[in-house]
Protein backbone atom coordinates (compact mmCIF):
# COMPACT_ATOMS: atom_id res chain seq x y z
CA MET A 1 103.78 -16.70 44.36
CA LYS A 2 102.51 -17.57 47.83
CA LYS A 3 99.40 -15.46 47.36
CA PHE A 4 98.70 -17.15 44.08
CA SER A 5 98.97 -20.62 45.71
CA LEU A 6 96.70 -19.63 48.53
CA MET A 7 94.15 -18.25 46.09
CA LEU A 8 94.40 -21.49 43.94
CA ALA A 9 93.89 -23.58 46.99
CA GLY A 10 90.86 -21.48 48.05
CA LEU A 11 89.27 -21.82 44.63
CA ALA A 12 89.83 -25.62 44.73
CA VAL A 13 88.12 -25.76 48.10
CA ALA A 14 85.23 -23.70 46.80
CA ALA A 15 84.90 -25.69 43.75
CA THR A 16 84.66 -29.01 45.50
CA SER A 17 82.25 -27.60 48.13
CA VAL A 18 79.64 -26.40 45.59
CA PRO A 19 78.85 -29.79 44.22
CA MET A 20 78.64 -31.15 47.75
CA ALA A 21 76.04 -28.53 48.63
CA ALA A 22 74.01 -29.42 45.59
CA ASN A 23 74.05 -33.10 46.41
CA ALA A 24 73.04 -32.29 50.06
CA GLN A 25 70.01 -30.44 48.75
CA ALA A 26 69.17 -33.29 46.42
CA TRP A 27 69.18 -35.82 49.25
CA GLN A 28 65.62 -36.41 50.28
CA ASN A 29 64.39 -37.20 53.71
CA ILE A 30 63.40 -40.74 53.94
CA ASN A 31 60.02 -39.92 55.70
CA ALA A 32 59.15 -37.35 53.10
CA ARG A 33 59.91 -39.87 50.33
CA GLN A 34 57.70 -42.43 51.96
CA ALA A 35 54.97 -40.06 52.30
CA ARG A 36 55.31 -39.02 48.65
CA LEU A 37 55.18 -42.76 47.54
CA GLU A 38 52.10 -43.43 49.62
CA GLN A 39 50.53 -40.28 48.28
CA ARG A 40 51.09 -41.41 44.73
CA ILE A 41 49.58 -44.88 45.50
CA ASN A 42 46.48 -43.26 47.14
CA GLN A 43 46.09 -40.89 44.21
CA GLY A 44 46.34 -43.80 41.71
CA ILE A 45 43.52 -45.57 43.69
CA ARG A 46 41.36 -42.53 43.79
CA SER A 47 41.76 -41.74 40.10
CA GLY A 48 41.27 -45.35 39.05
CA ALA A 49 44.60 -45.62 37.46
CA LEU A 50 45.44 -48.52 39.85
CA ASN A 51 43.11 -51.48 40.07
CA ARG A 52 42.67 -53.39 43.31
CA ASN A 53 45.37 -56.03 42.66
CA GLU A 54 48.01 -53.43 41.72
CA ALA A 55 47.14 -51.32 44.76
CA VAL A 56 47.40 -54.31 47.06
CA ARG A 57 50.74 -55.35 45.61
CA LEU A 58 52.18 -51.90 45.74
CA ARG A 59 51.02 -51.31 49.38
CA ALA A 60 52.62 -54.61 50.33
CA GLN A 61 55.96 -53.65 48.63
CA PHE A 62 55.72 -50.22 50.51
CA ARG A 63 55.05 -51.97 53.87
CA ASP A 64 58.07 -54.20 53.37
CA LEU A 65 60.27 -51.25 52.73
CA THR A 66 58.95 -49.63 55.93
CA VAL A 67 59.72 -52.86 57.94
CA LEU A 68 63.16 -52.93 56.42
CA GLU A 69 63.80 -49.26 57.32
CA ASN A 70 62.71 -49.95 60.93
CA ARG A 71 65.01 -52.96 61.06
CA TYR A 72 67.97 -50.91 59.74
CA ARG A 73 67.20 -48.17 62.32
CA ARG A 74 67.11 -50.76 65.23
CA SER A 75 70.27 -52.44 64.07
CA GLY A 76 72.54 -49.78 65.74
CA GLY A 77 72.48 -46.07 65.96
CA GLY A 78 70.36 -45.04 63.09
CA LEU A 79 70.98 -45.55 59.42
CA SER A 80 74.50 -46.08 57.95
CA LEU A 81 75.32 -44.59 54.61
CA GLN A 82 75.08 -48.14 53.03
CA GLU A 83 71.64 -48.59 54.52
CA ARG A 84 70.51 -45.19 53.25
CA ARG A 85 71.81 -46.08 49.72
CA ASP A 86 69.94 -49.36 49.87
CA LEU A 87 66.77 -47.83 50.91
CA ASP A 88 67.12 -45.14 48.37
CA ARG A 89 67.72 -47.78 45.68
CA ARG A 90 64.61 -49.72 46.73
CA PHE A 91 62.50 -46.55 46.96
CA ASP A 92 63.59 -45.72 43.37
CA ALA A 93 62.52 -49.16 42.21
CA LEU A 94 59.18 -48.90 43.98
CA SER A 95 58.65 -45.44 42.51
CA ALA A 96 59.32 -46.81 39.04
CA ARG A 97 56.80 -49.71 39.69
CA ILE A 98 54.16 -47.26 40.82
CA LYS A 99 54.67 -45.34 37.63
CA VAL A 100 54.39 -48.35 35.43
CA GLN A 101 51.27 -49.59 37.17
CA LYS A 102 49.68 -46.26 37.01
CA ASN A 103 50.33 -45.94 33.16
CA ASP A 104 49.61 -49.60 32.14
CA ARG A 105 46.02 -48.82 31.15
CA GLN A 106 44.54 -51.39 33.54
CA TYR A 107 41.88 -49.22 35.17
CA ARG A 108 39.66 -49.96 38.06
CA ARG A 109 36.37 -51.44 36.94
């Protein structure tokens, strides 16, 4: 009975650690995410999918997020989990805005 209990406990630990490992892999480095967003904006400008006003607005929003990240980092010992989540949510919103602006059929003239 004791072996069965230990085996069950081991399976429970293994089952809970697998989703944690998957989440750790899904977590994206903030710098890499910023680089990807900036690359998408630049690509939209080069292809003409973003007009001048859209590009200026998106770059300003991107710059605001960079300033916020720097403020979070200076506030004390790096980013807290809450600050990471806030930045992640804001990056998601910016990513969605980039997608909308690139696909709204307002091309550079």
